[in-house]
């Protein structure tokens, strides 16, 4: 399943979403498969959740069912059982291998209010020109130092929209919007690590916290540097299975040549 975190719901933690989703499973009367043991729990697997405070259009999870359900009916019933902002927007039947292995990169948007796009452009060029950009992050295991540059596939400032008033003076409310594609490495490089790298290489310091949204998550196309649809292999497998089933049904009908 692909779900979103929008609006105020971007401030929900991963644990908050887990609780909300398990309540939605009960409300929607989903026939879940359960683990064995003394404390059985529904078989739900969450993949690479976005940090708390980050909006996302591309979060993913897997569930195991005890019996078959119509895919679209399942999506609609679960979506109706979740609060607005946590939305189930796509669902496929798993037909291929480990889904988490498909999630090798993310496409992010960073909105930097109070930052002039030209200033952001200079900082981006300095970041991309550097061979390594060391950043520090406090983790559960203590302070870690790692290279933020190695994970970045692309980083760019979106062009300014045309000024409808035709004014050529300075913008009283500047805003730079960055688009970032980053590989999922270990340790994971997050958008805030890239912002730390921009500050380290070019002294770029937004006056307010950046508004961060994950736009896509999935396999990285190395030729184009884009993030592709992780559901594509399962959709292709489902299409091939449907074609085979249609051929078998046609072959079973007398007088029809396949």
Protein backbone atom coordinates (compact mmCIF):
# COMPACT_ATOMS: atom_id res chain seq x y z
CA UNK A 1 0.00 0.00 0.00
CA UNK A 2 1.04 3.54 -0.70
CA UNK A 3 -0.14 6.16 1.79
CA UNK A 4 0.40 9.85 2.48
CA UNK A 5 1.15 12.14 5.41
CA UNK A 6 -0.31 15.54 4.64
CA UNK A 7 -1.04 18.81 6.44
CA UNK A 8 -0.92 18.61 10.23
CA UNK A 9 -0.64 14.82 10.08
CA UNK A 10 2.99 15.21 8.98
CA UNK A 11 3.73 15.69 12.69
CA UNK A 12 2.57 12.16 13.53
CA UNK A 13 5.38 9.84 14.51
CA UNK A 14 5.80 6.41 12.96
CA UNK A 15 4.42 4.85 16.14
CA UNK A 16 1.37 7.16 15.98
CA UNK A 17 0.68 5.99 12.44
CA UNK A 18 1.07 2.34 13.44
CA UNK A 19 -1.59 2.73 16.12
CA UNK A 20 -3.93 4.59 13.75
CA UNK A 21 -3.47 2.01 11.01
CA UNK A 22 -4.13 -0.97 13.29
CA UNK A 23 -7.34 0.71 14.47
CA UNK A 24 -8.29 1.24 10.81
CA UNK A 25 -7.75 -2.48 10.13
CA UNK A 26 -10.27 -3.33 12.85
CA UNK A 27 -12.79 -0.70 11.76
CA UNK A 28 -12.61 -1.86 8.14
CA UNK A 29 -12.98 -5.52 9.25
CA UNK A 30 -9.90 -6.53 7.27
CA UNK A 31 -9.30 -10.34 7.44
CA UNK A 32 -5.73 -10.07 8.69
CA UNK A 33 -3.25 -12.90 8.93
CA UNK A 34 -1.62 -13.07 12.39
CA UNK A 35 1.76 -14.14 13.62
CA UNK A 36 2.15 -17.29 15.70
CA UNK A 37 3.20 -17.42 19.36
CA UNK A 38 1.79 -16.33 22.72
CA UNK A 39 1.04 -12.76 21.57
CA UNK A 40 -0.20 -12.92 17.97
CA UNK A 41 -0.18 -9.61 16.11
CA UNK A 42 -1.35 -8.65 12.62
CA UNK A 43 1.24 -9.15 9.90
CA UNK A 44 2.08 -5.59 8.91
CA UNK A 45 5.47 -4.50 7.58
CA UNK A 46 6.42 -0.82 7.31
CA UNK A 47 9.09 0.27 4.86
CA UNK A 48 11.45 3.24 5.30
CA UNK A 49 9.10 5.67 7.06
CA UNK A 50 9.70 9.42 6.70
CA UNK A 51 10.94 11.36 9.76
CA UNK A 52 8.41 12.99 12.09
CA UNK A 53 7.49 16.46 10.86
CA UNK A 54 8.06 15.53 7.22
CA UNK A 55 5.14 15.40 4.79
CA UNK A 56 5.06 12.58 2.27
CA UNK A 57 3.20 11.46 -0.82
CA UNK A 58 5.01 8.12 -0.92
CA UNK A 59 4.99 6.02 2.25
CA UNK A 60 4.66 2.26 1.93
CA UNK A 61 3.57 -0.76 3.95
CA UNK A 62 2.68 -4.41 3.39
CA UNK A 63 -0.04 -6.49 5.01
CA UNK A 64 -0.84 -10.21 4.87
CA UNK A 65 -4.48 -11.32 4.62
CA UNK A 66 -6.14 -14.54 5.75
CA UNK A 67 -8.36 -14.53 2.67
CA UNK A 68 -8.67 -12.67 -0.63
CA UNK A 69 -10.29 -9.24 -0.75
CA UNK A 70 -11.10 -6.99 -3.70
CA UNK A 71 -8.12 -4.64 -3.98
CA UNK A 72 -10.01 -1.38 -4.60
CA UNK A 73 -12.65 -2.20 -1.98
CA UNK A 74 -9.88 -2.84 0.55
CA UNK A 75 -8.16 0.46 -0.29
CA UNK A 76 -11.40 2.46 -0.03
CA UNK A 77 -12.48 0.92 3.28
CA UNK A 78 -9.07 1.46 4.91
CA UNK A 79 -8.82 5.01 3.58
CA UNK A 80 -12.27 5.83 5.02
CA UNK A 81 -11.14 4.46 8.41
CA UNK A 82 -8.08 6.73 8.65
CA UNK A 83 -8.06 10.45 9.52
CA UNK A 84 -7.81 12.99 6.70
CA UNK A 85 -4.16 13.49 5.85
CA UNK A 86 -3.31 9.82 6.30
CA UNK A 87 -4.65 8.58 2.97
CA UNK A 88 -4.32 5.20 1.28
CA UNK A 89 -3.88 6.22 -2.35
CA UNK A 90 -2.68 3.03 -4.09
CA UNK A 91 -2.60 -0.70 -3.47
CA UNK A 92 -1.42 -3.77 -5.37
CA UNK A 93 -1.33 -7.49 -4.74
CA UNK A 94 2.23 -8.62 -4.01
CA UNK A 95 3.45 -11.00 -6.72
CA UNK A 96 7.22 -10.47 -6.69
CA UNK A 97 10.04 -10.63 -4.15
CA UNK A 98 10.97 -8.49 -1.15
CA UNK A 99 9.20 -5.17 -1.65
CA UNK A 100 11.55 -3.22 0.63
CA UNK A 101 14.41 -3.94 -1.80
CA UNK A 102 12.56 -1.82 -4.40
CA UNK A 103 12.92 1.30 -2.26
CA UNK A 104 16.44 2.39 -3.18
CA UNK A 105 15.98 6.17 -3.47
CA UNK A 106 13.69 9.08 -2.57
CA UNK A 107 12.68 12.28 -4.34
CA UNK A 108 12.22 15.22 -1.94
CA UNK A 109 11.04 18.80 -2.13
CA UNK A 110 12.46 21.36 0.33
CA UNK A 111 10.70 24.71 0.68
CA UNK A 112 13.04 27.34 2.16
CA UNK A 113 10.98 30.37 3.12
CA UNK A 114 13.01 33.54 3.52
CA UNK A 115 15.80 32.31 1.22
CA UNK A 116 16.46 34.02 -2.11
CA UNK A 117 16.53 31.45 -4.96
CA UNK A 118 19.78 32.94 -6.30
CA UNK A 119 21.44 32.47 -2.91
CA UNK A 120 20.11 28.90 -2.77
CA UNK A 121 21.47 28.28 -6.27
CA UNK A 122 24.97 29.36 -5.24
CA UNK A 123 24.82 27.06 -2.21
CA UNK A 124 23.62 24.12 -4.34
CA UNK A 125 26.48 24.59 -6.80
CA UNK A 126 29.01 24.67 -3.95
CA UNK A 127 27.50 21.50 -2.44
CA UNK A 128 27.55 19.61 -5.74
CA UNK A 129 31.11 20.73 -6.49
CA UNK A 130 32.42 19.26 -3.24
CA UNK A 131 33.84 15.74 -3.30
CA UNK A 132 32.68 15.08 0.25
CA UNK A 133 30.43 16.99 2.64
CA UNK A 134 30.76 15.81 6.22
CA UNK A 135 27.78 16.34 8.51
CA UNK A 136 27.12 15.39 12.10
CA UNK A 137 23.95 13.89 13.51
CA UNK A 138 23.08 12.77 17.02
CA UNK A 139 21.77 9.18 16.98
CA UNK A 140 20.83 6.60 19.58
CA UNK A 141 24.42 5.35 19.37
CA UNK A 142 25.90 8.80 19.86
CA UNK A 143 27.22 11.47 17.52
CA UNK A 144 27.86 10.20 13.99
CA UNK A 145 29.88 11.88 11.26
CA UNK A 146 29.20 10.84 7.66
CA UNK A 147 29.37 12.07 4.06
CA UNK A 148 26.08 13.62 2.88
CA UNK A 149 27.37 14.26 -0.65
CA UNK A 150 27.81 10.60 -1.61
CA UNK A 151 24.09 9.83 -1.38
CA UNK A 152 22.88 12.82 -3.41
CA UNK A 153 22.01 11.92 -7.01
CA UNK A 154 20.69 15.37 -7.95
CA UNK A 155 19.97 18.69 -6.24
CA UNK A 156 18.50 21.72 -7.96
CA UNK A 157 16.59 24.94 -7.31
CA UNK A 158 13.29 25.24 -9.12
CA UNK A 159 13.14 28.27 -11.43
CA UNK A 160 11.27 31.35 -10.21
CA UNK A 161 7.68 31.61 -11.47
CA UNK A 162 7.00 34.63 -13.70
CA UNK A 163 6.08 37.83 -11.85
CA UNK A 164 2.46 38.62 -12.84
CA UNK A 165 2.84 42.26 -11.76
CA UNK A 166 5.96 42.76 -13.86
CA UNK A 167 7.90 44.10 -10.87
CA UNK A 168 11.69 43.94 -11.05
CA UNK A 169 12.34 44.94 -7.44
CA UNK A 170 13.48 42.60 -4.66
CA UNK A 171 10.94 40.03 -3.49
CA UNK A 172 9.77 40.99 0.03
CA UNK A 173 8.92 37.34 0.70
CA UNK A 174 11.59 35.24 -1.03
CA UNK A 175 11.26 31.48 -1.13
CA UNK A 176 13.61 28.91 -2.67
CA UNK A 177 12.27 25.48 -3.56
CA UNK A 178 14.80 22.67 -3.89
CA UNK A 179 14.30 19.26 -5.49
CA UNK A 180 16.53 16.47 -4.22
CA UNK A 181 17.03 12.83 -5.22
CA UNK A 182 18.97 10.82 -2.66
CA UNK A 183 20.03 7.18 -2.54
CA UNK A 184 19.08 5.09 0.48
CA UNK A 185 22.47 4.31 1.95
CA UNK A 186 23.63 3.28 5.43
CA UNK A 187 23.60 5.49 7.37
CA UNK A 188 20.57 7.06 5.69
CA UNK A 189 21.07 10.61 4.42
CA UNK A 190 17.97 12.69 5.17
CA UNK A 191 16.93 16.10 3.82
CA UNK A 192 18.01 17.78 7.06
CA UNK A 193 21.49 16.29 6.56
CA UNK A 194 21.63 17.91 3.10
CA UNK A 195 20.56 21.22 4.65
CA UNK A 196 23.37 20.82 7.16
CA UNK A 197 25.71 20.22 4.22
CA UNK A 198 24.49 23.39 2.47
CA UNK A 199 25.20 25.32 5.64
CA UNK A 200 28.66 23.77 5.94
CA UNK A 201 29.69 24.38 2.31
CA UNK A 202 28.01 27.72 1.59
CA UNK A 203 26.75 29.10 4.92
CA UNK A 204 23.12 28.75 3.78
CA UNK A 205 20.95 29.08 6.89
CA UNK A 206 17.17 29.45 6.31
CA UNK A 207 15.56 31.79 8.87
CA UNK A 208 12.73 29.30 9.48
CA UNK A 209 12.69 25.49 9.41
CA UNK A 210 12.35 24.01 5.92
CA UNK A 211 9.04 22.48 4.86
CA UNK A 212 10.00 19.04 3.55
CA UNK A 213 7.87 16.68 1.45
CA UNK A 214 8.76 13.28 0.05
CA UNK A 215 7.36 13.22 -3.49
CA UNK A 216 8.36 9.70 -4.52
CA UNK A 217 10.17 6.63 -3.26
CA UNK A 218 11.22 3.59 -5.25
CA UNK A 219 13.86 2.16 -7.59
CA UNK A 220 16.46 4.59 -8.92
CA UNK A 221 16.84 4.78 -12.70
CA UNK A 222 20.59 5.30 -12.96
CA UNK A 223 20.43 6.59 -16.54
CA UNK A 224 17.92 9.38 -15.88
CA UNK A 225 18.49 9.88 -12.14
CA UNK A 226 14.74 9.59 -11.50
CA UNK A 227 12.80 7.59 -8.92
CA UNK A 228 10.42 5.11 -10.56
CA UNK A 229 7.26 3.28 -9.45
CA UNK A 230 8.02 0.45 -6.98
CA UNK A 231 4.64 -1.16 -7.79
CA UNK A 232 5.54 -1.64 -11.47
CA UNK A 233 6.94 -5.22 -11.10
CA UNK A 234 3.81 -6.38 -9.24
CA UNK A 235 1.51 -4.71 -11.77
CA UNK A 236 3.39 -6.33 -14.65
CA UNK A 237 3.22 -9.73 -12.93
CA UNK A 238 -0.51 -9.31 -12.35
CA UNK A 239 -1.03 -8.37 -16.00
CA UNK A 240 0.91 -11.41 -17.18
CA UNK A 241 -1.10 -13.67 -14.88
CA UNK A 242 -4.37 -12.23 -16.20
CA UNK A 243 -3.24 -12.82 -19.79
CA UNK A 244 -2.36 -16.45 -19.02
CA UNK A 245 -5.67 -17.01 -17.26
CA UNK A 246 -7.59 -15.53 -20.20
CA UNK A 247 -5.71 -17.82 -22.59
CA UNK A 248 -6.47 -20.86 -20.47
CA UNK A 249 -10.18 -19.99 -20.34
CA UNK A 250 -10.28 -19.48 -24.10
CA UNK A 251 -8.49 -22.79 -24.69
CA UNK A 252 -11.10 -24.57 -22.60
CA UNK A 253 -13.96 -23.35 -24.85
CA UNK A 254 -14.62 -25.69 -27.83
CA UNK A 255 -14.17 -24.06 -31.26
CA UNK A 256 -11.74 -21.36 -30.09
CA UNK A 257 -8.15 -21.53 -31.27
CA UNK A 258 -5.50 -19.86 -29.12
